[in-house]
Every structure is written in C-alpha cells, then in structure tokens.
C-alpha cells in the first residue's frame, strides 16, 4: 500500500471512529471538505502542515496517520448517512 493510501485509510478510520463527518473534520483542521475526501481516497499529496492539522483534529500524533494497516484488514465503514438527531 502506498503512503497516500495509508494516510487516507487511517484518516477515515479515525474520523469514523470519532463520529466526525468529512465536513466537521475539515472545519476542525481549517481545510476544504473536498480536500479531506481526496486525502481519504489517497488521491492527494498531503503536506506536513496539513498532516499536522488533520492529526490534531482527530487528536492523534502525526505518526498514527502513517502506520500501515494489518494485511487483510477491512476498510473503515462509512458513517451513517444523514444528520444526527437533535438532543431533546
């Protein structure tokens, strides 16, 4: 797996685990939502500054985004579509 794909896989895994949409992650990292999607798909070369911003937004060290997944690991599932229910 190439580095861009590893970063995208880890970013999506962490984002979904925290229940963040791409839009919320983008806002927290001060980057464009479409850019987050391209990073997760592995089609974008990410700068160190952007990696730092994304890692901070999901509260992990930058190195966490560079760890290769275990061979045969299932791809991270997408978040449930739609808006979250408002708390009552």
Protein backbone atom coordinates (compact mmCIF):
# COMPACT_ATOMS: atom_id res chain seq x y z
CA UNK A 1 0.00 0.00 0.00
CA UNK A 2 1.45 3.39 -0.93
CA UNK A 3 1.85 6.22 1.58
CA UNK A 4 -1.10 8.29 0.30
CA UNK A 5 -3.43 5.30 0.62
CA UNK A 6 -2.15 4.54 4.14
CA UNK A 7 -2.75 8.12 5.26
CA UNK A 8 -6.24 8.13 3.74
CA UNK A 9 -7.14 4.76 5.28
CA UNK A 10 -6.01 5.85 8.74
CA UNK A 11 -7.68 9.24 8.49
CA UNK A 12 -11.02 7.70 7.54
CA UNK A 13 -10.70 5.04 10.27
CA UNK A 14 -10.03 7.68 12.94
CA UNK A 15 -12.68 10.08 11.64
CA UNK A 16 -15.39 7.41 11.54
CA UNK A 17 -14.40 6.05 14.96
CA UNK A 18 -14.93 9.53 16.39
CA UNK A 19 -18.22 10.02 14.56
CA UNK A 20 -16.95 13.01 12.57
CA UNK A 21 -18.21 13.84 9.11
CA UNK A 22 -15.72 14.97 6.49
CA UNK A 23 -17.19 18.44 6.84
CA UNK A 24 -16.66 18.54 10.63
CA UNK A 25 -13.10 17.25 10.22
CA UNK A 26 -12.40 19.85 7.55
CA UNK A 27 -13.72 22.64 9.79
CA UNK A 28 -11.60 21.43 12.72
CA UNK A 29 -8.49 21.25 10.53
CA UNK A 30 -9.26 24.52 8.67
CA UNK A 31 -9.16 22.86 5.25
CA UNK A 32 -11.68 22.29 2.46
CA UNK A 33 -14.13 19.36 2.82
CA UNK A 34 -13.48 18.18 -0.74
CA UNK A 35 -9.76 18.07 0.07
CA UNK A 36 -10.48 15.75 3.02
CA UNK A 37 -12.32 13.42 0.64
CA UNK A 38 -9.40 13.38 -1.78
CA UNK A 39 -6.97 12.67 1.07
CA UNK A 40 -9.13 9.77 2.28
CA UNK A 41 -9.26 8.35 -1.26
CA UNK A 42 -5.46 8.60 -1.49
CA UNK A 43 -5.53 10.90 -4.49
CA UNK A 44 -3.90 13.92 -2.82
CA UNK A 45 -0.28 14.56 -1.84
CA UNK A 46 -0.53 15.97 1.67
CA UNK A 47 1.94 18.46 3.12
CA UNK A 48 3.39 18.02 6.60
CA UNK A 49 1.45 21.09 7.76
CA UNK A 50 -1.82 19.54 6.56
CA UNK A 51 -0.94 16.22 8.21
CA UNK A 52 -0.35 18.08 11.46
CA UNK A 53 -3.70 19.87 11.18
CA UNK A 54 -5.57 16.64 10.40
CA UNK A 55 -3.84 14.73 13.21
CA UNK A 56 -4.67 17.50 15.67
CA UNK A 57 -8.29 17.49 14.52
CA UNK A 58 -8.62 13.76 15.33
CA UNK A 59 -6.41 14.09 18.45
CA UNK A 60 -3.61 11.72 17.46
CA UNK A 61 0.12 12.14 16.80
CA UNK A 62 1.08 12.56 13.13
CA UNK A 63 2.82 9.17 13.22
CA UNK A 64 -0.58 7.49 13.79
CA UNK A 65 -1.58 8.51 10.25
CA UNK A 66 1.47 6.77 8.77
CA UNK A 67 1.03 3.29 10.27
CA UNK A 68 0.24 0.67 7.63
CA UNK A 69 -2.93 -1.32 8.30
CA UNK A 70 -2.71 -5.01 9.11
CA UNK A 71 -2.77 -7.05 5.88
CA UNK A 72 -6.34 -8.12 5.15
CA UNK A 73 -7.87 -5.51 7.45
CA UNK A 74 -11.35 -4.43 6.42
CA UNK A 75 -11.66 -0.90 5.08
CA UNK A 76 -13.24 1.56 7.52
CA UNK A 77 -17.01 1.64 7.17
CA UNK A 78 -18.64 4.96 6.23
CA UNK A 79 -20.67 6.93 8.72
CA UNK A 80 -24.42 6.51 8.69
CA UNK A 81 -25.90 8.92 6.15
CA UNK A 82 -27.98 11.87 7.21
CA UNK A 83 -27.94 14.32 10.05
CA UNK A 84 -27.60 13.43 13.68
CA UNK A 85 -30.75 13.60 15.74
CA UNK A 86 -31.04 16.69 17.89
CA UNK A 87 -30.77 16.02 21.61
CA UNK A 88 -34.03 16.61 23.48
